[in-house]
């Protein structure tokens, strides 16, 4: 938390480099998933211990996705167990699909497909419509 989200955070200048997004976008994603799933809200567990902050759980999922790593690879740096990282990833992915799915994860229309094919044909990149590397 102190590295990225504290008032005098250590890596505020490097946030975009590490997460591939601006802090404001990260906050928008965090607010959306927190409103969908209370797993990302800071609270006490059954024995009264304060759990991980939602920012930590959200940050973990972004790091796992961004660096293509497994849940157990962050336990030393974040002091978060493999099961917590895994749970956070599943809940994060579910929240993303449910919250942003209707707006961003829709099927392409015929007009969208034809427009993309025309762009690809002009660049002589036929057959790249399904390639994720070339879609951005």
N, C-alpha and C. Protein backbone atom coordinates (compact mmCIF):
# COMPACT_ATOMS: atom_id res chain seq x y z
N UNK A 1 0.82 -1.18 0.00
CA UNK A 1 0.00 0.00 0.00
C UNK A 1 0.87 1.25 0.00
N UNK A 2 1.94 1.23 0.78
CA UNK A 2 2.80 2.40 0.88
C UNK A 2 3.55 2.66 -0.43
N UNK A 3 3.78 1.62 -1.22
CA UNK A 3 4.52 1.79 -2.46
C UNK A 3 3.73 2.55 -3.52
N UNK A 4 2.41 2.36 -3.58
CA UNK A 4 1.61 2.92 -4.67
C UNK A 4 0.46 3.83 -4.24
N UNK A 5 -0.14 3.61 -3.07
CA UNK A 5 -1.40 4.26 -2.76
C UNK A 5 -1.37 5.20 -1.56
N UNK A 6 -0.28 5.33 -0.88
CA UNK A 6 -0.16 6.24 0.25
C UNK A 6 0.00 7.68 -0.28
N UNK A 7 -0.27 8.68 0.56
CA UNK A 7 -0.11 10.08 0.10
C UNK A 7 1.29 10.38 -0.43
N UNK A 8 2.31 9.88 0.20
CA UNK A 8 3.69 10.06 -0.27
C UNK A 8 4.23 8.73 -0.78
N UNK A 9 3.53 8.13 -1.72
CA UNK A 9 3.89 6.80 -2.21
C UNK A 9 5.26 6.80 -2.88
N UNK A 10 5.93 5.68 -2.74
CA UNK A 10 7.28 5.52 -3.27
C UNK A 10 7.30 5.51 -4.80
N UNK A 11 6.31 4.84 -5.43
CA UNK A 11 6.33 4.65 -6.88
C UNK A 11 5.20 5.39 -7.61
N UNK A 12 4.81 6.55 -7.16
CA UNK A 12 3.73 7.27 -7.85
C UNK A 12 4.12 7.62 -9.28
N UNK A 13 5.36 7.96 -9.51
CA UNK A 13 5.80 8.31 -10.86
C UNK A 13 5.87 7.09 -11.78
N UNK A 14 5.97 5.91 -11.22
CA UNK A 14 6.12 4.70 -12.01
C UNK A 14 4.82 3.90 -12.11
N UNK A 15 3.72 4.44 -11.64
CA UNK A 15 2.47 3.68 -11.62
C UNK A 15 2.06 3.26 -13.03
N UNK A 16 2.07 4.20 -13.96
CA UNK A 16 1.66 3.89 -15.33
C UNK A 16 2.59 2.87 -15.97
N UNK A 17 3.85 2.95 -15.69
CA UNK A 17 4.82 2.00 -16.23
C UNK A 17 4.57 0.59 -15.69
N UNK A 18 4.28 0.47 -14.42
CA UNK A 18 4.10 -0.84 -13.80
C UNK A 18 2.74 -1.46 -14.09
N UNK A 19 1.70 -0.65 -14.20
CA UNK A 19 0.34 -1.17 -14.36
C UNK A 19 -0.22 -0.97 -15.76
N UNK A 20 0.48 -0.28 -16.61
CA UNK A 20 0.05 -0.03 -17.98
C UNK A 20 -1.26 0.75 -18.05
N UNK A 21 -1.50 1.59 -17.05
CA UNK A 21 -2.68 2.44 -17.04
C UNK A 21 -2.43 3.58 -16.08
N UNK A 22 -3.19 4.65 -16.26
CA UNK A 22 -3.08 5.76 -15.34
C UNK A 22 -3.77 5.41 -14.03
N UNK A 23 -3.41 6.09 -12.98
CA UNK A 23 -3.99 5.84 -11.66
C UNK A 23 -5.49 6.09 -11.66
N UNK A 24 -5.95 7.07 -12.43
CA UNK A 24 -7.37 7.38 -12.48
C UNK A 24 -8.18 6.22 -13.09
N UNK A 25 -7.59 5.54 -14.06
CA UNK A 25 -8.25 4.37 -14.66
C UNK A 25 -8.29 3.23 -13.65
N UNK A 26 -7.18 3.02 -12.95
CA UNK A 26 -7.13 2.00 -11.92
C UNK A 26 -8.20 2.26 -10.86
N UNK A 27 -8.32 3.52 -10.44
CA UNK A 27 -9.34 3.87 -9.43
C UNK A 27 -10.75 3.62 -9.94
N UNK A 28 -10.98 3.89 -11.22
CA UNK A 28 -12.31 3.63 -11.79
C UNK A 28 -12.63 2.13 -11.77
N UNK A 29 -11.65 1.32 -12.15
CA UNK A 29 -11.84 -0.13 -12.11
C UNK A 29 -12.07 -0.60 -10.67
N UNK A 30 -11.28 -0.08 -9.76
CA UNK A 30 -11.40 -0.48 -8.36
C UNK A 30 -12.77 -0.10 -7.80
N UNK A 31 -13.22 1.11 -8.07
CA UNK A 31 -14.53 1.54 -7.57
C UNK A 31 -15.65 0.68 -8.14
N UNK A 32 -15.53 0.30 -9.41
CA UNK A 32 -16.56 -0.53 -10.04
C UNK A 32 -16.61 -1.93 -9.43
N UNK A 33 -15.45 -2.55 -9.22
CA UNK A 33 -15.49 -3.90 -8.66
C UNK A 33 -15.85 -3.88 -7.18
N UNK A 34 -15.46 -2.83 -6.49
CA UNK A 34 -15.81 -2.71 -5.07
C UNK A 34 -17.31 -2.54 -4.90
N UNK A 35 -17.96 -1.83 -5.81
CA UNK A 35 -19.41 -1.67 -5.72
C UNK A 35 -20.14 -2.95 -6.11
N UNK A 36 -19.49 -3.80 -6.92
CA UNK A 36 -20.11 -5.06 -7.33
C UNK A 36 -19.90 -6.17 -6.30
N UNK A 37 -18.71 -6.26 -5.73
CA UNK A 37 -18.36 -7.37 -4.84
C UNK A 37 -17.71 -6.83 -3.56
N UNK A 38 -18.31 -7.08 -2.42
CA UNK A 38 -17.77 -6.55 -1.16
C UNK A 38 -16.50 -7.28 -0.71
N UNK A 39 -16.04 -8.26 -1.46
CA UNK A 39 -14.76 -8.92 -1.18
C UNK A 39 -13.62 -7.91 -1.24
N UNK A 40 -13.78 -6.86 -2.05
CA UNK A 40 -12.73 -5.87 -2.25
C UNK A 40 -12.85 -4.70 -1.28
N UNK A 41 -13.69 -4.81 -0.28
CA UNK A 41 -13.83 -3.78 0.74
C UNK A 41 -13.06 -4.22 1.98
N UNK A 42 -12.30 -3.31 2.57
CA UNK A 42 -11.51 -3.61 3.76
C UNK A 42 -12.45 -3.91 4.93
N UNK A 43 -12.27 -5.08 5.55
CA UNK A 43 -13.11 -5.46 6.68
C UNK A 43 -12.36 -6.46 7.55
N UNK A 44 -12.93 -6.75 8.69
CA UNK A 44 -12.35 -7.74 9.60
C UNK A 44 -12.89 -9.12 9.26
N UNK A 45 -12.05 -10.15 9.53
CA UNK A 45 -12.50 -11.52 9.30
C UNK A 45 -13.22 -12.06 10.53
N UNK A 46 -13.47 -13.35 10.55
CA UNK A 46 -14.26 -13.97 11.62
C UNK A 46 -13.61 -13.85 13.00
N UNK A 47 -12.29 -13.77 13.05
CA UNK A 47 -11.60 -13.68 14.34
C UNK A 47 -11.22 -12.24 14.69
N UNK A 48 -11.67 -11.28 13.91
CA UNK A 48 -11.42 -9.88 14.20
C UNK A 48 -10.16 -9.29 13.60
N UNK A 49 -9.46 -10.06 12.79
CA UNK A 49 -8.23 -9.56 12.14
C UNK A 49 -8.62 -8.75 10.89
N UNK A 50 -7.95 -7.62 10.71
CA UNK A 50 -8.19 -6.83 9.51
C UNK A 50 -7.53 -7.53 8.33
N UNK A 51 -8.30 -7.70 7.27
CA UNK A 51 -7.79 -8.38 6.09
C UNK A 51 -7.03 -7.44 5.17
N UNK A 52 -6.80 -7.89 3.96
CA UNK A 52 -6.11 -7.07 2.96
C UNK A 52 -7.05 -6.01 2.43
N UNK A 53 -6.49 -4.87 2.12
CA UNK A 53 -7.27 -3.78 1.54
C UNK A 53 -7.67 -4.17 0.11
N UNK A 54 -8.77 -3.64 -0.34
CA UNK A 54 -9.22 -3.92 -1.70
C UNK A 54 -8.23 -3.48 -2.74
N UNK A 55 -7.51 -2.37 -2.47
CA UNK A 55 -6.47 -1.93 -3.40
C UNK A 55 -5.39 -3.01 -3.54
N UNK A 56 -5.04 -3.66 -2.44
CA UNK A 56 -4.01 -4.70 -2.50
C UNK A 56 -4.50 -5.88 -3.34
N UNK A 57 -5.74 -6.27 -3.14
CA UNK A 57 -6.29 -7.39 -3.90
C UNK A 57 -6.40 -7.04 -5.38
N UNK A 58 -6.83 -5.82 -5.66
CA UNK A 58 -6.94 -5.38 -7.05
C UNK A 58 -5.56 -5.25 -7.69
N UNK A 59 -4.61 -4.72 -6.95
CA UNK A 59 -3.25 -4.59 -7.45
C UNK A 59 -2.65 -5.96 -7.76
N UNK A 60 -2.92 -6.92 -6.90
CA UNK A 60 -2.41 -8.27 -7.12
C UNK A 60 -2.92 -8.83 -8.44
N UNK A 61 -4.20 -8.67 -8.70
CA UNK A 61 -4.75 -9.20 -9.95
C UNK A 61 -4.14 -8.51 -11.16
N UNK A 62 -3.94 -7.20 -11.06
CA UNK A 62 -3.32 -6.49 -12.17
C UNK A 62 -1.88 -6.94 -12.39
N UNK A 63 -1.16 -7.16 -11.32
CA UNK A 63 0.23 -7.62 -11.47
C UNK A 63 0.27 -9.03 -12.04
N UNK A 64 -0.63 -9.89 -11.59
CA UNK A 64 -0.67 -11.26 -12.12
C UNK A 64 -1.01 -11.25 -13.61
N UNK A 65 -1.97 -10.43 -14.00
CA UNK A 65 -2.34 -10.34 -15.42
C UNK A 65 -1.25 -9.66 -16.24
N UNK A 66 -0.71 -8.57 -15.71
CA UNK A 66 0.29 -7.80 -16.45
C UNK A 66 1.60 -8.53 -16.66
N UNK A 67 2.01 -9.31 -15.66
CA UNK A 67 3.29 -10.01 -15.74
C UNK A 67 3.13 -11.49 -16.06
N UNK A 68 1.87 -11.92 -16.28
CA UNK A 68 1.57 -13.31 -16.63
C UNK A 68 2.21 -14.27 -15.63
N UNK A 69 1.87 -14.06 -14.37
CA UNK A 69 2.43 -14.89 -13.30
C UNK A 69 1.32 -15.63 -12.56
N UNK A 70 1.72 -16.63 -11.81
CA UNK A 70 0.78 -17.43 -11.04
C UNK A 70 0.51 -16.78 -9.69
N UNK A 71 -0.54 -17.26 -9.02
CA UNK A 71 -0.95 -16.69 -7.74
C UNK A 71 0.12 -16.85 -6.67
N UNK A 72 0.89 -17.91 -6.71
CA UNK A 72 1.88 -18.14 -5.66
C UNK A 72 3.17 -17.33 -5.84
N UNK A 73 3.31 -16.61 -6.92
CA UNK A 73 4.54 -15.86 -7.16
C UNK A 73 4.59 -14.52 -6.43
N UNK A 74 3.48 -14.09 -5.84
CA UNK A 74 3.44 -12.79 -5.18
C UNK A 74 3.42 -12.88 -3.67
N UNK A 75 3.50 -14.08 -3.13
CA UNK A 75 3.36 -14.23 -1.68
C UNK A 75 4.49 -13.57 -0.90
N UNK A 76 5.69 -13.57 -1.41
CA UNK A 76 6.80 -12.96 -0.68
C UNK A 76 6.76 -11.44 -0.75
N UNK A 77 6.47 -10.89 -1.93
CA UNK A 77 6.46 -9.44 -2.10
C UNK A 77 5.24 -8.81 -1.43
N UNK A 78 4.07 -9.41 -1.62
CA UNK A 78 2.84 -8.81 -1.12
C UNK A 78 2.40 -9.37 0.23
N UNK A 79 3.04 -10.45 0.68
CA UNK A 79 2.65 -11.11 1.93
C UNK A 79 1.19 -11.56 1.88
N UNK A 80 0.78 -12.01 0.71
CA UNK A 80 -0.59 -12.47 0.49
C UNK A 80 -0.53 -13.92 0.04
N UNK A 81 -1.35 -14.77 0.63
CA UNK A 81 -1.28 -16.20 0.33
C UNK A 81 -1.74 -16.49 -1.10
N UNK A 82 -1.36 -17.66 -1.56
CA UNK A 82 -1.74 -18.10 -2.89
C UNK A 82 -3.26 -18.17 -3.03
N UNK A 83 -3.93 -18.66 -2.00
CA UNK A 83 -5.39 -18.79 -2.09
C UNK A 83 -6.06 -17.42 -2.14
N UNK A 84 -5.55 -16.44 -1.41
CA UNK A 84 -6.11 -15.10 -1.45
C UNK A 84 -5.90 -14.47 -2.82
N UNK A 85 -4.70 -14.65 -3.38
CA UNK A 85 -4.43 -14.13 -4.73
C UNK A 85 -5.34 -14.79 -5.76
N UNK A 86 -5.52 -16.10 -5.65
CA UNK A 86 -6.40 -16.82 -6.57
C UNK A 86 -7.85 -16.38 -6.44
N UNK A 87 -8.31 -16.25 -5.20
CA UNK A 87 -9.68 -15.78 -4.98
C UNK A 87 -9.88 -14.37 -5.54
N UNK A 88 -8.91 -13.51 -5.31
CA UNK A 88 -9.00 -12.15 -5.82
C UNK A 88 -9.07 -12.14 -7.34
N UNK A 89 -8.29 -13.00 -7.98
CA UNK A 89 -8.30 -13.06 -9.45
C UNK A 89 -9.66 -13.51 -9.98
N UNK A 90 -10.22 -14.54 -9.39
CA UNK A 90 -11.52 -15.05 -9.85
C UNK A 90 -12.60 -14.00 -9.64
N UNK A 91 -12.60 -13.38 -8.48
CA UNK A 91 -13.62 -12.37 -8.18
C UNK A 91 -13.42 -11.12 -9.04
N UNK A 92 -12.17 -10.76 -9.31
CA UNK A 92 -11.89 -9.61 -10.16
C UNK A 92 -12.39 -9.87 -11.58
N UNK A 93 -12.07 -11.03 -12.12
CA UNK A 93 -12.50 -11.36 -13.49
C UNK A 93 -14.01 -11.40 -13.59
N UNK A 94 -14.66 -11.98 -12.59
CA UNK A 94 -16.12 -12.04 -12.58
C UNK A 94 -16.72 -10.64 -12.54
N UNK A 95 -16.17 -9.79 -11.70
CA UNK A 95 -16.68 -8.42 -11.59
C UNK A 95 -16.45 -7.65 -12.89
N UNK A 96 -15.30 -7.84 -13.53
CA UNK A 96 -15.04 -7.14 -14.78
C UNK A 96 -16.05 -7.52 -15.85
N UNK A 97 -16.34 -8.81 -15.96
CA UNK A 97 -17.30 -9.27 -16.96
C UNK A 97 -18.70 -8.75 -16.65
N UNK A 98 -19.08 -8.81 -15.39
CA UNK A 98 -20.43 -8.37 -15.01
C UNK A 98 -20.61 -6.86 -15.11
N UNK A 99 -19.62 -6.11 -14.68
CA UNK A 99 -19.75 -4.65 -14.65
C UNK A 99 -19.49 -4.02 -16.02
N UNK A 100 -18.41 -4.42 -16.67
CA UNK A 100 -18.03 -3.79 -17.93
C UNK A 100 -18.40 -4.61 -19.15
N UNK A 101 -18.86 -5.83 -18.96
CA UNK A 101 -19.20 -6.70 -20.08
C UNK A 101 -20.23 -6.13 -21.04
N UNK A 102 -21.36 -5.64 -20.55
CA UNK A 102 -22.37 -5.12 -21.48
C UNK A 102 -21.86 -3.98 -22.36
N UNK A 103 -20.94 -3.19 -21.87
CA UNK A 103 -20.45 -2.05 -22.63
C UNK A 103 -19.26 -2.41 -23.52
N UNK A 104 -18.33 -3.21 -23.01
CA UNK A 104 -17.08 -3.44 -23.73
C UNK A 104 -16.90 -4.85 -24.29
N UNK A 105 -17.61 -5.82 -23.81
CA UNK A 105 -17.41 -7.20 -24.25
C UNK A 105 -18.56 -7.68 -25.13
N UNK A 106 -19.00 -6.84 -26.02
CA UNK A 106 -20.11 -7.21 -26.89
C UNK A 106 -19.59 -7.86 -28.17
N UNK A 107 -20.45 -8.58 -28.83
CA UNK A 107 -20.10 -9.20 -30.11
C UNK A 107 -19.93 -8.12 -31.17
N UNK A 108 -18.96 -8.26 -32.05
CA UNK A 108 -18.80 -7.26 -33.10
C UNK A 108 -19.95 -7.32 -34.10
N UNK A 109 -20.34 -6.17 -34.59
CA UNK A 109 -21.39 -6.13 -35.60
C UNK A 109 -20.76 -6.36 -36.97
N UNK A 110 -21.59 -6.57 -37.94
CA UNK A 110 -21.09 -6.78 -39.30
C UNK A 110 -20.36 -5.52 -39.79
N UNK A 111 -20.87 -4.35 -39.43
CA UNK A 111 -20.22 -3.09 -39.84
C UNK A 111 -18.82 -2.97 -39.20
N UNK A 112 -18.69 -3.35 -37.93
CA UNK A 112 -17.38 -3.31 -37.27
C UNK A 112 -16.40 -4.26 -37.95
N UNK A 113 -16.86 -5.45 -38.26
CA UNK A 113 -16.00 -6.45 -38.90
C UNK A 113 -15.55 -5.98 -40.27
N UNK A 114 -16.48 -5.44 -41.05
CA UNK A 114 -16.12 -4.96 -42.38
C UNK A 114 -15.14 -3.79 -42.31
N UNK A 115 -15.32 -2.89 -41.35
CA UNK A 115 -14.41 -1.77 -41.18
C UNK A 115 -13.01 -2.26 -40.83
N UNK A 116 -12.91 -3.22 -39.90
CA UNK A 116 -11.61 -3.77 -39.52
C UNK A 116 -10.95 -4.51 -40.68
N UNK A 117 -11.74 -5.28 -41.43
CA UNK A 117 -11.17 -5.99 -42.58
C UNK A 117 -10.66 -5.02 -43.64
N UNK A 118 -11.34 -3.90 -43.84
CA UNK A 118 -10.88 -2.90 -44.81
C UNK A 118 -9.55 -2.29 -44.36
N UNK A 119 -9.44 -2.00 -43.08
CA UNK A 119 -8.18 -1.44 -42.55
C UNK A 119 -7.05 -2.44 -42.71
N UNK A 120 -7.31 -3.69 -42.37
CA UNK A 120 -6.28 -4.71 -42.47
C UNK A 120 -5.88 -4.97 -43.92
N UNK A 121 -6.86 -4.93 -44.84
CA UNK A 121 -6.55 -5.15 -46.25
C UNK A 121 -5.69 -4.00 -46.80
N UNK A 122 -5.98 -2.77 -46.36
CA UNK A 122 -5.19 -1.63 -46.80
C UNK A 122 -3.75 -1.73 -46.32
N UNK A 123 -3.54 -2.40 -45.21
CA UNK A 123 -2.19 -2.58 -44.67
C UNK A 123 -1.56 -3.91 -45.09
N UNK A 124 -2.26 -4.66 -45.90
CA UNK A 124 -1.82 -6.00 -46.37
C UNK A 124 -1.61 -6.96 -45.21
N UNK A 125 -2.48 -6.87 -44.21
CA UNK A 125 -2.41 -7.75 -43.05
C UNK A 125 -3.63 -8.65 -43.01
N UNK A 126 -3.90 -9.33 -44.06
CA UNK A 126 -5.06 -10.22 -44.08
C UNK A 126 -4.90 -11.33 -43.06
N UNK A 127 -5.97 -11.85 -42.56
CA UNK A 127 -6.03 -12.96 -41.60
C UNK A 127 -5.58 -12.55 -40.19
N UNK A 128 -5.47 -11.27 -39.91
CA UNK A 128 -5.05 -10.85 -38.58
C UNK A 128 -6.21 -10.37 -37.72
N UNK A 129 -7.44 -10.56 -38.19
CA UNK A 129 -8.59 -10.06 -37.45
C UNK A 129 -8.68 -10.71 -36.07
N UNK A 130 -8.35 -11.96 -35.93
CA UNK A 130 -8.44 -12.64 -34.65
C UNK A 130 -7.20 -12.55 -33.80
N UNK A 131 -6.15 -11.93 -34.28
CA UNK A 131 -4.90 -11.83 -33.53
C UNK A 131 -4.97 -10.72 -32.51
N UNK A 132 -4.86 -11.06 -31.23
CA UNK A 132 -4.93 -10.07 -30.18
C UNK A 132 -3.77 -9.09 -30.23
N UNK A 133 -2.63 -9.53 -30.72
CA UNK A 133 -1.46 -8.65 -30.80
C UNK A 133 -1.68 -7.50 -31.76
N UNK A 134 -2.52 -7.69 -32.75
CA UNK A 134 -2.70 -6.67 -33.80
C UNK A 134 -3.98 -5.87 -33.65
N UNK A 135 -4.81 -6.19 -32.69
CA UNK A 135 -6.09 -5.50 -32.56
C UNK A 135 -5.96 -4.11 -31.96
N UNK A 136 -4.94 -3.84 -31.18
CA UNK A 136 -4.83 -2.51 -30.59
C UNK A 136 -4.30 -1.54 -31.61
